[in-house]
Amino acid sequence: MESESYFIIALGQRITFYREKACLTVSDISGLTGIEIDNIVAYENGSLSIKVEDFLKIIKALEIDSAQLMEGIELKK
């Protein structure tokens, strides 16, 4: 469970990094993806596991691929 929490938090940090790098707000990402702002905030702060469909929408909106988003994130044992 600890490694899952670490992964969720690290993934959220990467989403935030790429969103800010693209000069987009949470509201911008919400508008581009149709995902509720509250869910995006929860994904970014690691308090909610991201749904696969939302993950795909976010990487498309950020114009990156999944490997870029997950680069450097390792599962802890």
Protein backbone atom coordinates (compact mmCIF):
# COMPACT_ATOMS: atom_id res chain seq x y z
CA MET A 1 0.00 0.00 0.00
CA GLU A 2 2.88 2.35 0.79
CA SER A 3 4.34 1.95 -2.71
CA GLU A 4 0.93 2.65 -4.25
CA SER A 5 0.60 5.86 -2.24
CA TYR A 6 4.12 6.90 -3.25
CA PHE A 7 3.29 6.28 -6.91
CA ILE A 8 0.03 8.26 -6.76
CA ILE A 9 1.76 11.22 -5.09
CA ALA A 10 4.73 11.13 -7.48
CA LEU A 11 2.44 10.93 -10.51
CA GLY A 12 0.46 13.92 -9.23
CA GLN A 13 3.66 15.91 -8.83
CA ARG A 14 4.62 15.08 -12.42
CA ILE A 15 1.19 16.19 -13.68
CA THR A 16 1.64 19.49 -11.84
CA PHE A 17 5.15 19.90 -13.25
CA TYR A 18 4.06 19.40 -16.86
CA ARG A 19 0.91 21.50 -16.41
CA GLU A 20 2.95 24.40 -15.09
CA LYS A 21 5.61 23.88 -17.76
CA ALA A 22 2.84 24.26 -20.35
CA CYS A 23 1.68 27.46 -18.58
CA LEU A 24 -1.74 25.94 -17.96
CA THR A 25 -3.94 26.35 -14.91
CA VAL A 26 -6.02 23.62 -13.32
CA SER A 27 -9.01 25.35 -14.87
CA ASP A 28 -7.36 25.19 -18.31
CA ILE A 29 -6.77 21.44 -17.96
CA SER A 30 -10.34 20.98 -16.80
CA GLY A 31 -11.62 22.79 -19.87
CA LEU A 32 -9.40 20.79 -22.22
CA THR A 33 -10.24 17.42 -20.70
CA GLY A 34 -13.73 17.72 -19.26
CA ILE A 35 -12.39 16.51 -15.90
CA GLU A 36 -13.78 18.34 -12.87
CA ILE A 37 -11.38 20.81 -11.28
CA ASP A 38 -11.71 19.10 -7.89
CA ASN A 39 -10.57 15.81 -9.42
CA ILE A 40 -7.57 17.40 -11.13
CA VAL A 41 -6.55 19.04 -7.85
CA ALA A 42 -6.94 15.69 -6.06
CA TYR A 43 -4.87 13.91 -8.74
CA GLU A 44 -2.15 16.53 -8.44
CA ASN A 45 -1.94 16.38 -4.65
CA GLY A 46 -2.09 12.58 -4.62
CA SER A 47 -5.28 12.24 -2.64
CA LEU A 48 -7.13 10.45 -5.45
CA SER A 49 -5.97 7.63 -7.71
CA ILE A 50 -6.22 8.71 -11.32
CA LYS A 51 -8.63 6.89 -13.60
CA VAL A 52 -7.07 5.50 -16.77
CA GLU A 53 -9.44 7.53 -18.96
CA ASP A 54 -8.52 10.73 -17.10
CA PHE A 55 -4.81 9.87 -17.33
CA LEU A 56 -5.15 9.60 -21.11
CA LYS A 57 -7.08 12.88 -21.33
CA ILE A 58 -4.47 14.68 -19.25
CA ILE A 59 -1.46 13.50 -21.25
CA LYS A 60 -3.25 14.48 -24.44
CA ALA A 61 -4.02 17.95 -23.06
CA LEU A 62 -0.41 18.34 -21.91
CA GLU A 63 0.82 17.12 -25.30
CA ILE A 64 3.13 14.55 -23.75
CA ASP A 65 3.19 10.76 -23.73
CA SER A 66 2.74 8.43 -20.80
CA ALA A 67 6.45 7.57 -20.64
CA GLN A 68 7.34 11.24 -20.24
CA LEU A 69 4.83 11.67 -17.45
CA MET A 70 6.00 8.60 -15.54
CA GLU A 71 9.73 9.07 -16.16
CA GLY A 72 11.70 8.67 -12.96
CA ILE A 73 8.83 7.33 -10.88
CA GLU A 74 9.77 4.01 -9.32
CA LEU A 75 7.58 1.72 -7.29
CA LYS A 76 8.99 1.25 -3.81
CA LYS A 77 8.87 -2.27 -2.42
